[in-house]
C-alpha atoms as a PDB file:
ATOM      1  CA  UNK A   1     -19.842  30.213   3.974  1.00  0.00           C
ATOM      2  CA  UNK A   2     -17.300  27.376   3.960  1.00  0.00           C
ATOM      3  CA  UNK A   3     -18.277  24.196   2.163  1.00  0.00           C
ATOM      4  CA  UNK A   4     -19.126  21.389   4.596  1.00  0.00           C
ATOM      5  CA  UNK A   5     -16.632  18.649   5.301  1.00  0.00           C
ATOM      6  CA  UNK A   6     -17.713  15.309   3.820  1.00  0.00           C
ATOM      7  CA  UNK A   7     -17.785  12.641   6.531  1.00  0.00           C
ATOM      8  CA  UNK A   8     -18.199   8.876   6.667  1.00  0.00           C
ATOM      9  CA  UNK A   9     -17.702   6.258   9.368  1.00  0.00           C
ATOM     10  CA  UNK A  10     -18.359   2.532   9.612  1.00  0.00           C
ATOM     11  CA  UNK A  11     -17.566  -0.430  11.846  1.00  0.00           C
ATOM     12  CA  UNK A  12     -17.934  -4.034  10.718  1.00  0.00           C
ATOM     13  CA  UNK A  13     -20.386  -4.830  13.495  1.00  0.00           C
ATOM     14  CA  UNK A  14     -22.894  -2.574  11.681  1.00  0.00           C
ATOM     15  CA  UNK A  15     -22.638  -4.475   8.377  1.00  0.00           C
ATOM     16  CA  UNK A  16     -20.108  -7.229   7.900  1.00  0.00           C
ATOM     17  CA  UNK A  17     -19.912  -7.708   4.096  1.00  0.00           C
ATOM     18  CA  UNK A  18     -19.126 -11.418   4.566  1.00  0.00           C
ATOM     19  CA  UNK A  19     -19.144 -12.969   1.048  1.00  0.00           C
ATOM     20  CA  UNK A  20     -19.873  -9.486  -0.369  1.00  0.00           C
ATOM     21  CA  UNK A  21     -17.653  -7.180  -2.415  1.00  0.00           C
ATOM     22  CA  UNK A  22     -18.588  -3.558  -1.860  1.00  0.00           C
ATOM     23  CA  UNK A  23     -17.150  -0.408  -3.433  1.00  0.00           C
ATOM     24  CA  UNK A  24     -18.270   3.119  -2.651  1.00  0.00           C
ATOM     25  CA  UNK A  25     -16.867   6.604  -3.042  1.00  0.00           C
ATOM     26  CA  UNK A  26     -16.774   9.641  -0.808  1.00  0.00           C
ATOM     27  CA  UNK A  27     -15.781  12.597  -2.973  1.00  0.00           C
ATOM     28  CA  UNK A  28     -12.578  11.352  -4.667  1.00  0.00           C
ATOM     29  CA  UNK A  29     -11.838   8.608  -2.113  1.00  0.00           C
ATOM     30  CA  UNK A  30     -12.630   4.976  -2.907  1.00  0.00           C
ATOM     31  CA  UNK A  31     -13.586   2.611  -0.098  1.00  0.00           C
ATOM     32  CA  UNK A  32     -13.537  -1.112  -0.805  1.00  0.00           C
ATOM     33  CA  UNK A  33     -14.791  -3.712   1.655  1.00  0.00           C
ATOM     34  CA  UNK A  34     -14.921  -7.494   1.680  1.00  0.00           C
ATOM     35  CA  UNK A  35     -15.857  -9.287   4.873  1.00  0.00           C
ATOM     36  CA  UNK A  36     -14.120 -12.548   4.025  1.00  0.00           C
ATOM     37  CA  UNK A  37     -15.416 -15.906   2.802  1.00  0.00           C
ATOM     38  CA  UNK A  38     -17.910 -17.825   4.916  1.00  0.00           C
ATOM     39  CA  UNK A  39     -16.735 -21.016   3.197  1.00  0.00           C
ATOM     40  CA  UNK A  40     -13.349 -20.378   4.863  1.00  0.00           C
ATOM     41  CA  UNK A  41     -15.028 -19.950   8.250  1.00  0.00           C
ATOM     42  CA  UNK A  42     -15.619 -16.207   8.383  1.00  0.00           C
ATOM     43  CA  UNK A  43     -18.792 -14.943  10.042  1.00  0.00           C
ATOM     44  CA  UNK A  44     -17.966 -11.455  11.345  1.00  0.00           C
ATOM     45  CA  UNK A  45     -16.087  -8.276  10.426  1.00  0.00           C
ATOM     46  CA  UNK A  46     -14.064  -6.338  12.988  1.00  0.00           C
ATOM     47  CA  UNK A  47     -12.642  -3.667  10.651  1.00  0.00           C
ATOM     48  CA  UNK A  48     -13.696  -0.036  10.736  1.00  0.00           C
ATOM     49  CA  UNK A  49     -12.911   3.294   9.121  1.00  0.00           C
ATOM     50  CA  UNK A  50     -13.501   7.010   9.336  1.00  0.00           C
ATOM     51  CA  UNK A  51     -13.108   9.390   6.385  1.00  0.00           C
ATOM     52  CA  UNK A  52     -13.239  13.192   6.387  1.00  0.00           C
ATOM     53  CA  UNK A  53     -12.674  15.182   3.184  1.00  0.00           C
ATOM     54  CA  UNK A  54     -12.463  18.928   2.650  1.00  0.00           C
ATOM     55  CA  UNK A  55     -12.126  19.680  -1.068  1.00  0.00           C
ATOM     56  CA  UNK A  56     -12.022  23.434  -0.555  1.00  0.00           C
ATOM     57  CA  UNK A  57      -9.112  23.407   1.883  1.00  0.00           C
ATOM     58  CA  UNK A  58      -7.475  20.467   0.173  1.00  0.00           C
ATOM     59  CA  UNK A  59      -7.093  17.696   2.727  1.00  0.00           C
ATOM     60  CA  UNK A  60      -8.196  14.141   3.494  1.00  0.00           C
ATOM     61  CA  UNK A  61      -8.175  12.666   7.010  1.00  0.00           C
ATOM     62  CA  UNK A  62      -8.600   8.896   7.260  1.00  0.00           C
ATOM     63  CA  UNK A  63      -8.624   6.379  10.110  1.00  0.00           C
ATOM     64  CA  UNK A  64      -8.424   2.636   9.405  1.00  0.00           C
ATOM     65  CA  UNK A  65      -9.093   0.050  12.131  1.00  0.00           C
ATOM     66  CA  UNK A  66      -8.547  -3.704  12.302  1.00  0.00           C
ATOM     67  CA  UNK A  67      -9.760  -5.208  15.577  1.00  0.00           C
ATOM     68  CA  UNK A  68      -9.755  -8.778  16.838  1.00  0.00           C
ATOM     69  CA  UNK A  69     -11.625 -10.817  19.446  1.00  0.00           C
ATOM     70  CA  UNK A  70     -14.567  -8.421  18.904  1.00  0.00           C
ATOM     71  CA  UNK A  71     -15.320  -5.091  17.214  1.00  0.00           C
ATOM     72  CA  UNK A  72     -15.748  -3.332  20.577  1.00  0.00           C
ATOM     73  CA  UNK A  73     -12.301  -1.710  20.503  1.00  0.00           C
ATOM     74  CA  UNK A  74     -12.879  -0.391  16.965  1.00  0.00           C
ATOM     75  CA  UNK A  75     -16.220   1.045  18.063  1.00  0.00           C
ATOM     76  CA  UNK A  76     -14.566   2.717  21.058  1.00  0.00           C
ATOM     77  CA  UNK A  77     -11.775   4.286  18.997  1.00  0.00           C
ATOM     78  CA  UNK A  78     -14.286   5.474  16.416  1.00  0.00           C
ATOM     79  CA  UNK A  79     -16.356   7.118  19.123  1.00  0.00           C
ATOM     80  CA  UNK A  80     -13.259   8.846  20.513  1.00  0.00           C
ATOM     81  CA  UNK A  81     -12.584  10.448  17.134  1.00  0.00           C
ATOM     82  CA  UNK A  82     -16.188  11.648  17.037  1.00  0.00           C
ATOM     83  CA  UNK A  83     -15.737  13.212  20.486  1.00  0.00           C
ATOM     84  CA  UNK A  84     -12.602  15.025  19.282  1.00  0.00           C
ATOM     85  CA  UNK A  85     -13.991  15.783  15.820  1.00  0.00           C
ATOM     86  CA  UNK A  86     -14.500  19.512  16.302  1.00  0.00           C
ATOM     87  CA  UNK A  87     -11.012  20.012  17.729  1.00  0.00           C
ATOM     88  CA  UNK A  88      -9.301  17.954  15.032  1.00  0.00           C
ATOM     89  CA  UNK A  89     -11.229  19.513  12.149  1.00  0.00           C
ATOM     90  CA  UNK A  90     -10.501  22.989  13.470  1.00  0.00           C
ATOM     91  CA  UNK A  91      -6.807  22.126  13.524  1.00  0.00           C
ATOM     92  CA  UNK A  92      -6.979  20.848   9.944  1.00  0.00           C
ATOM     93  CA  UNK A  93      -8.161  24.289   8.837  1.00  0.00           C
ATOM     94  CA  UNK A  94      -4.983  25.968  10.140  1.00  0.00           C
ATOM     95  CA  UNK A  95      -2.023  26.712   7.848  1.00  0.00           C
ATOM     96  CA  UNK A  96      -0.692  23.282   6.925  1.00  0.00           C
ATOM     97  CA  UNK A  97       2.689  23.710   8.608  1.00  0.00           C
ATOM     98  CA  UNK A  98       0.924  24.387  11.920  1.00  0.00           C
ATOM     99  CA  UNK A  99      -1.395  21.422  11.425  1.00  0.00           C
ATOM    100  CA  UNK A 100       1.510  19.068  10.782  1.00  0.00           C
ATOM    101  CA  UNK A 101       3.328  20.262  13.902  1.00  0.00           C
ATOM    102  CA  UNK A 102       0.343  19.950  16.228  1.00  0.00           C
ATOM    103  CA  UNK A 103      -1.591  16.913  15.039  1.00  0.00           C
ATOM    104  CA  UNK A 104       0.497  14.250  16.770  1.00  0.00           C
ATOM    105  CA  UNK A 105       0.144  15.960  20.156  1.00  0.00           C
ATOM    106  CA  UNK A 106      -3.630  16.105  19.748  1.00  0.00           C
ATOM    107  CA  UNK A 107      -3.936  12.451  18.732  1.00  0.00           C
ATOM    108  CA  UNK A 108      -1.773  11.336  21.665  1.00  0.00           C
ATOM    109  CA  UNK A 109      -3.774  13.439  24.096  1.00  0.00           C
ATOM    110  CA  UNK A 110      -6.955  11.867  22.728  1.00  0.00           C
ATOM    111  CA  UNK A 111      -5.637   8.323  23.189  1.00  0.00           C
ATOM    112  CA  UNK A 112      -4.190   9.088  26.638  1.00  0.00           C
ATOM    113  CA  UNK A 113      -7.411  10.558  27.982  1.00  0.00           C
ATOM    114  CA  UNK A 114      -8.035   8.889  31.356  1.00  0.00           C
ATOM    115  CA  UNK A 115     -11.670   8.025  30.661  1.00  0.00           C
ATOM    116  CA  UNK A 116     -10.756   6.554  27.281  1.00  0.00           C
ATOM    117  CA  UNK A 117      -8.018   4.403  28.816  1.00  0.00           C
ATOM    118  CA  UNK A 118     -10.430   3.225  31.505  1.00  0.00           C
ATOM    119  CA  UNK A 119     -13.051   2.396  28.855  1.00  0.00           C
ATOM    120  CA  UNK A 120     -10.419   0.447  26.905  1.00  0.00           C
ATOM    121  CA  UNK A 121      -9.838  -1.813  29.908  1.00  0.00           C
ATOM    122  CA  UNK A 122     -13.501  -2.850  29.775  1.00  0.00           C
ATOM    123  CA  UNK A 123     -13.771  -3.816  26.101  1.00  0.00           C
ATOM    124  CA  UNK A 124     -13.266  -7.267  24.624  1.00  0.00           C
ATOM    125  CA  UNK A 125     -10.236  -7.318  22.344  1.00  0.00           C
ATOM    126  CA  UNK A 126      -8.067  -4.642  20.801  1.00  0.00           C
ATOM    127  CA  UNK A 127      -7.515  -2.928  17.466  1.00  0.00           C
ATOM    128  CA  UNK A 128      -4.768  -1.811  15.141  1.00  0.00           C
ATOM    129  CA  UNK A 129      -5.190   1.806  14.082  1.00  0.00           C
ATOM    130  CA  UNK A 130      -3.724   3.727  11.147  1.00  0.00           C
ATOM    131  CA  UNK A 131      -4.336   7.472  10.890  1.00  0.00           C
ATOM    132  CA  UNK A 132      -3.467   9.420   7.746  1.00  0.00           C
ATOM    133  CA  UNK A 133      -3.710  13.069   6.756  1.00  0.00           C
ATOM    134  CA  UNK A 134      -2.922  14.291   3.277  1.00  0.00           C
ATOM    135  CA  UNK A 135      -2.574  18.065   3.242  1.00  0.00           C
ATOM    136  CA  UNK A 136      -0.854  20.103   0.530  1.00  0.00           C
ATOM    137  CA  UNK A 137       2.030  17.963  -0.814  1.00  0.00           C
ATOM    138  CA  UNK A 138       2.464  16.000   2.406  1.00  0.00           C
ATOM    139  CA  UNK A 139       1.227  12.689   3.782  1.00  0.00           C
ATOM    140  CA  UNK A 140       1.262  12.587   7.603  1.00  0.00           C
ATOM    141  CA  UNK A 141       0.633   9.262   9.321  1.00  0.00           C
ATOM    142  CA  UNK A 142       0.514   7.621  12.728  1.00  0.00           C
ATOM    143  CA  UNK A 143       0.286   3.859  13.078  1.00  0.00           C
ATOM    144  CA  UNK A 144      -0.443   1.529  15.974  1.00  0.00           C
ATOM    145  CA  UNK A 145      -0.253  -2.097  14.894  1.00  0.00           C
ATOM    146  CA  UNK A 146      -0.327  -3.879  11.563  1.00  0.00           C
ATOM    147  CA  UNK A 147      -2.458  -1.910   9.116  1.00  0.00           C
ATOM    148  CA  UNK A 148      -0.520  -1.109   5.951  1.00  0.00           C
ATOM    149  CA  UNK A 149      -0.124   2.024   3.847  1.00  0.00           C
ATOM    150  CA  UNK A 150       1.338   2.472   0.389  1.00  0.00           C
ATOM    151  CA  UNK A 151       2.333   5.472  -1.697  1.00  0.00           C
ATOM    152  CA  UNK A 152       2.402   4.621  -5.392  1.00  0.00           C
ATOM    153  CA  UNK A 153       4.215   6.860  -7.883  1.00  0.00           C
ATOM    154  CA  UNK A 154       6.326   5.942 -10.947  1.00  0.00           C
ATOM    155  CA  UNK A 155       9.460   7.672  -9.604  1.00  0.00           C
ATOM    156  CA  UNK A 156       9.224   5.762  -6.339  1.00  0.00           C
ATOM    157  CA  UNK A 157       8.393   2.496  -8.105  1.00  0.00           C
ATOM    158  CA  UNK A 158      11.597   2.743 -10.172  1.00  0.00           C
ATOM    159  CA  UNK A 159      13.505   2.706  -6.891  1.00  0.00           C
ATOM    160  CA  UNK A 160      11.434  -0.118  -5.407  1.00  0.00           C
ATOM    161  CA  UNK A 161       9.743   2.168  -2.877  1.00  0.00           C
ATOM    162  CA  UNK A 162       6.064   1.433  -2.271  1.00  0.00           C
ATOM    163  CA  UNK A 163       5.237   0.944   1.414  1.00  0.00           C
ATOM    164  CA  UNK A 164       4.977   3.876   3.821  1.00  0.00           C
ATOM    165  CA  UNK A 165       4.974   2.182   7.224  1.00  0.00           C
ATOM    166  CA  UNK A 166       6.345  -1.003   8.731  1.00  0.00           C
ATOM    167  CA  UNK A 167       3.748  -3.295  10.285  1.00  0.00           C
ATOM    168  CA  UNK A 168       4.013  -3.846  14.030  1.00  0.00           C
ATOM    169  CA  UNK A 169       2.451  -7.039  15.377  1.00  0.00           C
ATOM    170  CA  UNK A 170       2.402  -6.281  19.114  1.00  0.00           C
ATOM    171  CA  UNK A 171       0.792  -2.835  19.267  1.00  0.00           C
ATOM    172  CA  UNK A 172      -2.914  -2.247  19.856  1.00  0.00           C
ATOM    173  CA  UNK A 173      -5.517   0.054  21.332  1.00  0.00           C
ATOM    174  CA  UNK A 174      -8.141  -1.579  23.530  1.00  0.00           C
ATOM    175  CA  UNK A 175      -8.109  -4.219  26.248  1.00  0.00           C
ATOM    176  CA  UNK A 176      -4.377  -4.579  25.589  1.00  0.00           C
ATOM    177  CA  UNK A 177      -3.436  -0.952  25.086  1.00  0.00           C
ATOM    178  CA  UNK A 178      -0.122   0.649  24.176  1.00  0.00           C
ATOM    179  CA  UNK A 179      -1.403   3.926  25.630  1.00  0.00           C
ATOM    180  CA  UNK A 180      -1.902   2.263  29.015  1.00  0.00           C
ATOM    181  CA  UNK A 181       1.869   1.844  29.288  1.00  0.00           C
ATOM    182  CA  UNK A 182       4.315   4.341  30.784  1.00  0.00           C
ATOM    183  CA  UNK A 183       5.841   4.685  27.326  1.00  0.00           C
ATOM    184  CA  UNK A 184       3.341   4.108  24.480  1.00  0.00           C
ATOM    185  CA  UNK A 185       4.718   2.559  21.299  1.00  0.00           C
ATOM    186  CA  UNK A 186       3.626   3.741  17.867  1.00  0.00           C
ATOM    187  CA  UNK A 187       5.099   4.875  14.548  1.00  0.00           C
ATOM    188  CA  UNK A 188       4.607   8.179  12.798  1.00  0.00           C
ATOM    189  CA  UNK A 189       6.055  10.068   9.886  1.00  0.00           C
ATOM    190  CA  UNK A 190       5.617  12.687   7.200  1.00  0.00           C
ATOM    191  CA  UNK A 191       6.205  11.884   3.557  1.00  0.00           C
ATOM    192  CA  UNK A 192       6.522  14.429   0.767  1.00  0.00           C
ATOM    193  CA  UNK A 193       4.500  13.398  -2.274  1.00  0.00           C
ATOM    194  CA  UNK A 194       6.060  13.440  -5.727  1.00  0.00           C
ATOM    195  CA  UNK A 195       5.186  15.694  -8.641  1.00  0.00           C
ATOM    196  CA  UNK A 196       2.374  14.325 -10.764  1.00  0.00           C
ATOM    197  CA  UNK A 197      -0.130  11.635  -9.794  1.00  0.00           C
ATOM    198  CA  UNK A 198       0.321  10.006  -6.379  1.00  0.00           C
ATOM    199  CA  UNK A 199      -1.900   7.099  -5.356  1.00  0.00           C
ATOM    200  CA  UNK A 200      -2.336   6.574  -1.602  1.00  0.00           C
ATOM    201  CA  UNK A 201      -3.660   3.203  -0.439  1.00  0.00           C
ATOM    202  CA  UNK A 202      -4.404   2.009   3.090  1.00  0.00           C
ATOM    203  CA  UNK A 203      -5.458  -1.564   3.828  1.00  0.00           C
ATOM    204  CA  UNK A 204      -6.124  -4.015   6.616  1.00  0.00           C
ATOM    205  CA  UNK A 205      -4.139  -7.229   6.533  1.00  0.00           C
ATOM    206  CA  UNK A 206      -6.597  -9.466   4.684  1.00  0.00           C
ATOM    207  CA  UNK A 207      -5.173  -8.192   1.396  1.00  0.00           C
ATOM    208  CA  UNK A 208      -1.639  -9.397   2.134  1.00  0.00           C
ATOM    209  CA  UNK A 209      -2.456 -12.477   4.237  1.00  0.00           C
ATOM    210  CA  UNK A 210      -4.456 -14.226   1.534  1.00  0.00           C
ATOM    211  CA  UNK A 211      -3.943 -17.890   0.548  1.00  0.00           C
ATOM    212  CA  UNK A 212      -1.351 -18.213  -2.260  1.00  0.00           C
ATOM    213  CA  UNK A 213      -0.135 -14.705  -1.327  1.00  0.00           C
ATOM    214  CA  UNK A 214      -1.080 -12.745  -4.467  1.00  0.00           C
ATOM    215  CA  UNK A 215      -0.315  -9.381  -2.858  1.00  0.00           C
ATOM    216  CA  UNK A 216       2.442  -9.896  -0.299  1.00  0.00           C
ATOM    217  CA  UNK A 217       4.793  -7.994  -2.625  1.00  0.00           C
ATOM    218  CA  UNK A 218       3.746  -4.313  -2.832  1.00  0.00           C
ATOM    219  CA  UNK A 219       4.951  -4.199  -6.435  1.00  0.00           C
ATOM    220  CA  UNK A 220       2.177  -6.629  -7.379  1.00  0.00           C
ATOM    221  CA  UNK A 221      -0.428  -4.279  -5.881  1.00  0.00           C
ATOM    222  CA  UNK A 222       1.118  -1.350  -7.758  1.00  0.00           C
ATOM    223  CA  UNK A 223       1.092  -3.245 -11.052  1.00  0.00           C
ATOM    224  CA  UNK A 224      -2.485  -4.451 -10.536  1.00  0.00           C
ATOM    225  CA  UNK A 225      -3.716  -0.882 -10.048  1.00  0.00           C
ATOM    226  CA  UNK A 226      -1.555   0.763 -12.715  1.00  0.00           C
ATOM    227  CA  UNK A 227      -3.614   2.357 -15.454  1.00  0.00           C
ATOM    228  CA  UNK A 228      -6.966   1.531 -13.849  1.00  0.00           C
ATOM    229  CA  UNK A 229      -9.498   3.935 -12.345  1.00  0.00           C
ATOM    230  CA  UNK A 230      -9.516   3.525  -8.582  1.00  0.00           C
ATOM    231  CA  UNK A 231     -12.932   1.861  -8.360  1.00  0.00           C
ATOM    232  CA  UNK A 232     -11.964  -0.759 -10.936  1.00  0.00           C
ATOM    233  CA  UNK A 233      -8.542  -1.358  -9.436  1.00  0.00           C
ATOM    234  CA  UNK A 234      -9.810  -1.866  -5.896  1.00  0.00           C
ATOM    235  CA  UNK A 235     -12.497  -4.236  -7.185  1.00  0.00           C
ATOM    236  CA  UNK A 236      -9.804  -6.295  -8.945  1.00  0.00           C
ATOM    237  CA  UNK A 237      -7.874  -6.606  -5.669  1.00  0.00           C
ATOM    238  CA  UNK A 238     -10.954  -7.660  -3.714  1.00  0.00           C
ATOM    239  CA  UNK A 239     -12.170 -10.100  -6.393  1.00  0.00           C
ATOM    240  CA  UNK A 240      -8.767 -11.775  -6.428  1.00  0.00           C
ATOM    241  CA  UNK A 241      -8.657 -12.415  -2.688  1.00  0.00           C
ATOM    242  CA  UNK A 242     -12.302 -13.528  -2.701  1.00  0.00           C
ATOM    243  CA  UNK A 243     -11.559 -16.070  -5.433  1.00  0.00           C
ATOM    244  CA  UNK A 244      -8.566 -17.311  -3.451  1.00  0.00           C
ATOM    245  CA  UNK A 245     -10.888 -17.917  -0.492  1.00  0.00           C
ATOM    246  CA  UNK A 246      -9.360 -15.475   1.965  1.00  0.00           C
ATOM    247  CA  UNK A 247     -10.943 -15.761   5.397  1.00  0.00           C
ATOM    248  CA  UNK A 248      -9.939 -12.441   6.946  1.00  0.00           C
ATOM    249  CA  UNK A 249     -11.914  -9.303   6.206  1.00  0.00           C
ATOM    250  CA  UNK A 250     -10.273  -6.615   4.078  1.00  0.00           C
ATOM    251  CA  UNK A 251     -10.923  -2.886   4.049  1.00  0.00           C
ATOM    252  CA  UNK A 252      -9.120  -0.709   1.486  1.00  0.00           C
ATOM    253  CA  UNK A 253      -9.154   3.094   1.323  1.00  0.00           C
ATOM    254  CA  UNK A 254      -7.458   4.756  -1.630  1.00  0.00           C
ATOM    255  CA  UNK A 255      -7.302   8.090  -3.396  1.00  0.00           C
ATOM    256  CA  UNK A 256      -5.257   9.960  -5.993  1.00  0.00           C
ATOM    257  CA  UNK A 257      -3.508  13.276  -5.398  1.00  0.00           C
ATOM    258  CA  UNK A 258      -2.052  15.341  -8.228  1.00  0.00           C
ATOM    259  CA  UNK A 259       0.895  17.505  -7.160  1.00  0.00           C
ATOM    260  CA  UNK A 260       1.904  20.354  -9.457  1.00  0.00           C
ATOM    261  CA  UNK A 261       4.217  22.330  -7.151  1.00  0.00           C
ATOM    262  CA  UNK A 262       7.957  21.790  -6.826  1.00  0.00           C
ATOM    263  CA  UNK A 263       9.158  18.809  -4.789  1.00  0.00           C
ATOM    264  CA  UNK A 264      12.521  17.744  -3.416  1.00  0.00           C
ATOM    265  CA  UNK A 265      15.083  16.394  -5.882  1.00  0.00           C
ATOM    266  CA  UNK A 266      18.844  15.753  -5.599  1.00  0.00           C
ATOM    267  CA  UNK A 267      21.118  18.731  -6.180  1.00  0.00           C
ATOM    268  CA  UNK A 268      22.958  17.028  -9.061  1.00  0.00           C
ATOM    269  CA  UNK A 269      19.818  16.191 -11.021  1.00  0.00           C
ATOM    270  CA  UNK A 270      19.707  17.942 -14.378  1.00  0.00           C
END
């Protein structure tokens, strides 16, 4: 019998973590949450996340949400993933090359479902949404909006490469909805991981939009985490922005992946 998939989901309307630093783990994934400082005017949390992990088949599927105006759009998107859970998880159990070819079509079909689009028109506000799948030596991602993802590895750091996606400030799902347009706008990609230890980190924008800007440069995040266990490193990030009186809520999801198989290198490399 196959081992069960570990699952977790949360929306900030359930528990807001205002003035609270909170770290928890699901299998090898670290989730860090800080709801912002009430002294700076914060009183609610409109972030959300969904995490599925299958250790036996070797994949992690993560959704990160950052809503505004209310958490209703994040709740709606979360519920849509629950509706499609069986279909998506079944696809994740296919040979990885098939999964990577078919996942985008499934996600788009889910977001373009007529009932979902109609429900989006009725909610208050809209949400950014970042979806990531790590399977084998690949990181697949699809992004709507301004959530941020990083891939940290020494080889990439030497070349100044840290960030996976470019933030987009006029894309959302919800009351204002990119999937309610004739041509929806989103970003997606597949990144090959490097040999050795890769650290994947997804975050909402509170981390980089903090007063005094301690983490606007991805290299500073990389250096802060370097050499630290994930739980400790994420706590350092959250403590720093709390001390600097950030108002916006911050949700961070991070995990390490060790790749031992061959990866792509230039033909003239000795």
